[in-house]
Amino acid sequence: MGSKFVPEQFLTPLVATIIFVIACIAGYGYRRVWKAEGARWKLWVYGVIAAAALLVLAFIPLSTPG
């Protein structure tokens, strides 16, 4: 029952797991650069990747079997 302007989009459990792992790795990279007081551009890259991945997981529903 999706609108003709907004197609229904769902994440499969496998894709959601991959996105979650990407978010975890990016978060770990962010923390590592932050603790080492590294380059600010690296903080931005890791932060944007982690935030985007978590926002995708938050706002796109998982597909359900059946």
N, C-alpha and C. Protein backbone atom coordinates (compact mmCIF):
# COMPACT_ATOMS: atom_id res chain seq x y z
N MET A 1 0.82 -1.20 0.00
CA MET A 1 0.00 0.00 0.00
C MET A 1 0.86 1.25 0.00
N GLY A 2 1.93 1.21 -0.72
CA GLY A 2 2.82 2.36 -0.77
C GLY A 2 2.28 3.43 -1.69
N SER A 3 2.68 4.62 -1.44
CA SER A 3 2.32 5.74 -2.30
C SER A 3 3.01 5.57 -3.65
N LYS A 4 2.43 6.17 -4.68
CA LYS A 4 3.09 6.05 -5.98
C LYS A 4 4.35 6.90 -6.06
N PHE A 5 4.53 7.81 -5.09
CA PHE A 5 5.72 8.64 -5.07
C PHE A 5 6.82 8.07 -4.18
N VAL A 6 6.46 7.28 -3.18
CA VAL A 6 7.44 6.72 -2.24
C VAL A 6 7.33 5.21 -2.29
N PRO A 7 8.26 4.54 -2.98
CA PRO A 7 8.19 3.08 -3.02
C PRO A 7 8.51 2.49 -1.65
N GLU A 8 7.89 1.36 -1.36
CA GLU A 8 8.17 0.70 -0.09
C GLU A 8 9.55 0.06 -0.15
N GLN A 9 10.36 0.36 0.83
CA GLN A 9 11.71 -0.17 0.88
C GLN A 9 11.89 -0.90 2.20
N PHE A 10 12.51 -2.05 2.12
CA PHE A 10 12.78 -2.85 3.30
C PHE A 10 14.22 -3.35 3.26
N LEU A 11 14.80 -3.57 4.43
CA LEU A 11 16.13 -4.16 4.53
C LEU A 11 15.98 -5.64 4.86
N THR A 12 16.76 -6.46 4.20
CA THR A 12 16.79 -7.87 4.59
C THR A 12 17.66 -7.98 5.84
N PRO A 13 17.48 -9.03 6.62
CA PRO A 13 18.32 -9.18 7.81
C PRO A 13 19.82 -9.22 7.50
N LEU A 14 20.21 -9.82 6.39
CA LEU A 14 21.62 -9.87 6.02
C LEU A 14 22.16 -8.47 5.73
N VAL A 15 21.43 -7.68 4.97
CA VAL A 15 21.88 -6.32 4.63
C VAL A 15 21.92 -5.47 5.89
N ALA A 16 20.93 -5.61 6.77
CA ALA A 16 20.93 -4.86 8.03
C ALA A 16 22.13 -5.23 8.89
N THR A 17 22.49 -6.50 8.91
CA THR A 17 23.65 -6.93 9.68
C THR A 17 24.93 -6.34 9.12
N ILE A 18 25.05 -6.32 7.81
CA ILE A 18 26.24 -5.75 7.16
C ILE A 18 26.33 -4.26 7.47
N ILE A 19 25.21 -3.54 7.40
CA ILE A 19 25.21 -2.11 7.71
C ILE A 19 25.59 -1.88 9.17
N PHE A 20 25.09 -2.74 10.06
CA PHE A 20 25.43 -2.61 11.48
C PHE A 20 26.92 -2.83 11.72
N VAL A 21 27.51 -3.80 11.04
CA VAL A 21 28.95 -4.07 11.18
C VAL A 21 29.75 -2.87 10.65
N ILE A 22 29.32 -2.29 9.55
CA ILE A 22 29.98 -1.10 9.02
C ILE A 22 29.91 0.04 10.03
N ALA A 23 28.75 0.23 10.67
CA ALA A 23 28.61 1.27 11.68
C ALA A 23 29.54 1.02 12.86
N CYS A 24 29.67 -0.23 13.28
CA CYS A 24 30.56 -0.56 14.40
C CYS A 24 32.02 -0.30 14.05
N ILE A 25 32.43 -0.69 12.86
CA ILE A 25 33.81 -0.47 12.43
C ILE A 25 34.11 1.03 12.32
N ALA A 26 33.16 1.79 11.77
CA ALA A 26 33.35 3.24 11.66
C ALA A 26 33.39 3.88 13.04
N GLY A 27 32.56 3.42 13.96
CA GLY A 27 32.59 3.94 15.32
C GLY A 27 33.90 3.64 16.01
N TYR A 28 34.42 2.45 15.80
CA TYR A 28 35.72 2.09 16.37
C TYR A 28 36.83 2.96 15.78
N GLY A 29 36.78 3.20 14.46
CA GLY A 29 37.77 4.08 13.83
C GLY A 29 37.68 5.50 14.36
N TYR A 30 36.45 5.97 14.57
CA TYR A 30 36.26 7.30 15.13
C TYR A 30 36.89 7.39 16.51
N ARG A 31 36.63 6.40 17.35
CA ARG A 31 37.17 6.42 18.71
C ARG A 31 38.70 6.34 18.71
N ARG A 32 39.24 5.52 17.82
CA ARG A 32 40.70 5.37 17.73
C ARG A 32 41.36 6.68 17.33
N VAL A 33 40.80 7.37 16.32
CA VAL A 33 41.37 8.65 15.88
C VAL A 33 41.18 9.71 16.96
N TRP A 34 40.05 9.70 17.63
CA TRP A 34 39.76 10.69 18.67
C TRP A 34 40.74 10.54 19.83
N LYS A 35 40.97 9.30 20.27
CA LYS A 35 41.90 9.07 21.39
C LYS A 35 43.34 9.44 21.02
N ALA A 36 43.71 9.23 19.76
CA ALA A 36 45.07 9.56 19.32
C ALA A 36 45.21 11.03 18.94
N GLU A 37 44.11 11.78 19.04
CA GLU A 37 44.07 13.18 18.64
C GLU A 37 44.58 13.35 17.22
N GLY A 38 44.01 12.52 16.34
CA GLY A 38 44.41 12.53 14.94
C GLY A 38 43.75 13.64 14.15
N ALA A 39 43.82 13.49 12.84
CA ALA A 39 43.30 14.50 11.92
C ALA A 39 41.78 14.64 12.05
N ARG A 40 41.32 15.89 12.02
CA ARG A 40 39.88 16.13 12.18
C ARG A 40 39.09 15.63 10.98
N TRP A 41 39.69 15.61 9.81
CA TRP A 41 38.94 15.13 8.65
C TRP A 41 38.63 13.66 8.79
N LYS A 42 39.52 12.88 9.44
CA LYS A 42 39.24 11.47 9.67
C LYS A 42 38.08 11.30 10.64
N LEU A 43 38.01 12.17 11.64
CA LEU A 43 36.87 12.13 12.56
C LEU A 43 35.56 12.35 11.81
N TRP A 44 35.58 13.31 10.90
CA TRP A 44 34.38 13.59 10.12
C TRP A 44 34.00 12.40 9.24
N VAL A 45 34.97 11.81 8.59
CA VAL A 45 34.68 10.68 7.70
C VAL A 45 34.09 9.52 8.48
N TYR A 46 34.76 9.12 9.57
CA TYR A 46 34.24 8.02 10.38
C TYR A 46 32.89 8.36 11.00
N GLY A 47 32.74 9.59 11.47
CA GLY A 47 31.49 9.99 12.09
C GLY A 47 30.32 10.00 11.13
N VAL A 48 30.55 10.51 9.93
CA VAL A 48 29.47 10.55 8.94
C VAL A 48 29.08 9.14 8.49
N ILE A 49 30.05 8.27 8.32
CA ILE A 49 29.75 6.89 7.93
C ILE A 49 28.95 6.20 9.02
N ALA A 50 29.37 6.33 10.27
CA ALA A 50 28.66 5.69 11.38
C ALA A 50 27.26 6.26 11.53
N ALA A 51 27.13 7.57 11.45
CA ALA A 51 25.82 8.20 11.59
C ALA A 51 24.87 7.80 10.46
N ALA A 52 25.38 7.79 9.24
CA ALA A 52 24.53 7.42 8.10
C ALA A 52 24.07 5.97 8.21
N ALA A 53 24.96 5.09 8.61
CA ALA A 53 24.60 3.68 8.75
C ALA A 53 23.54 3.50 9.83
N LEU A 54 23.70 4.18 10.95
CA LEU A 54 22.73 4.04 12.03
C LEU A 54 21.39 4.69 11.67
N LEU A 55 21.42 5.78 10.92
CA LEU A 55 20.16 6.38 10.47
C LEU A 55 19.42 5.48 9.49
N VAL A 56 20.15 4.82 8.62
CA VAL A 56 19.51 3.86 7.70
C VAL A 56 18.85 2.75 8.49
N LEU A 57 19.55 2.22 9.48
CA LEU A 57 18.97 1.15 10.30
C LEU A 57 17.78 1.64 11.10
N ALA A 58 17.78 2.90 11.49
CA ALA A 58 16.70 3.42 12.31
C ALA A 58 15.42 3.69 11.50
N PHE A 59 15.57 4.10 10.25
CA PHE A 59 14.41 4.58 9.52
C PHE A 59 13.93 3.70 8.37
N ILE A 60 14.68 2.68 8.02
CA ILE A 60 14.22 1.74 6.99
C ILE A 60 13.88 0.43 7.69
N PRO A 61 12.64 -0.02 7.60
CA PRO A 61 12.24 -1.21 8.33
C PRO A 61 12.83 -2.49 7.76
N LEU A 62 12.91 -3.49 8.62
CA LEU A 62 13.35 -4.81 8.19
C LEU A 62 12.20 -5.53 7.51
N SER A 63 12.54 -6.34 6.53
CA SER A 63 11.50 -7.15 5.88
C SER A 63 11.17 -8.32 6.79
N THR A 64 9.91 -8.68 6.80
CA THR A 64 9.47 -9.80 7.61
C THR A 64 9.06 -10.95 6.70
N PRO A 65 9.35 -12.18 7.12
CA PRO A 65 8.95 -13.31 6.28
C PRO A 65 7.44 -13.46 6.27
N GLY A 66 6.95 -13.84 5.12
CA GLY A 66 5.52 -14.14 5.02
C GLY A 66 4.77 -13.13 4.34
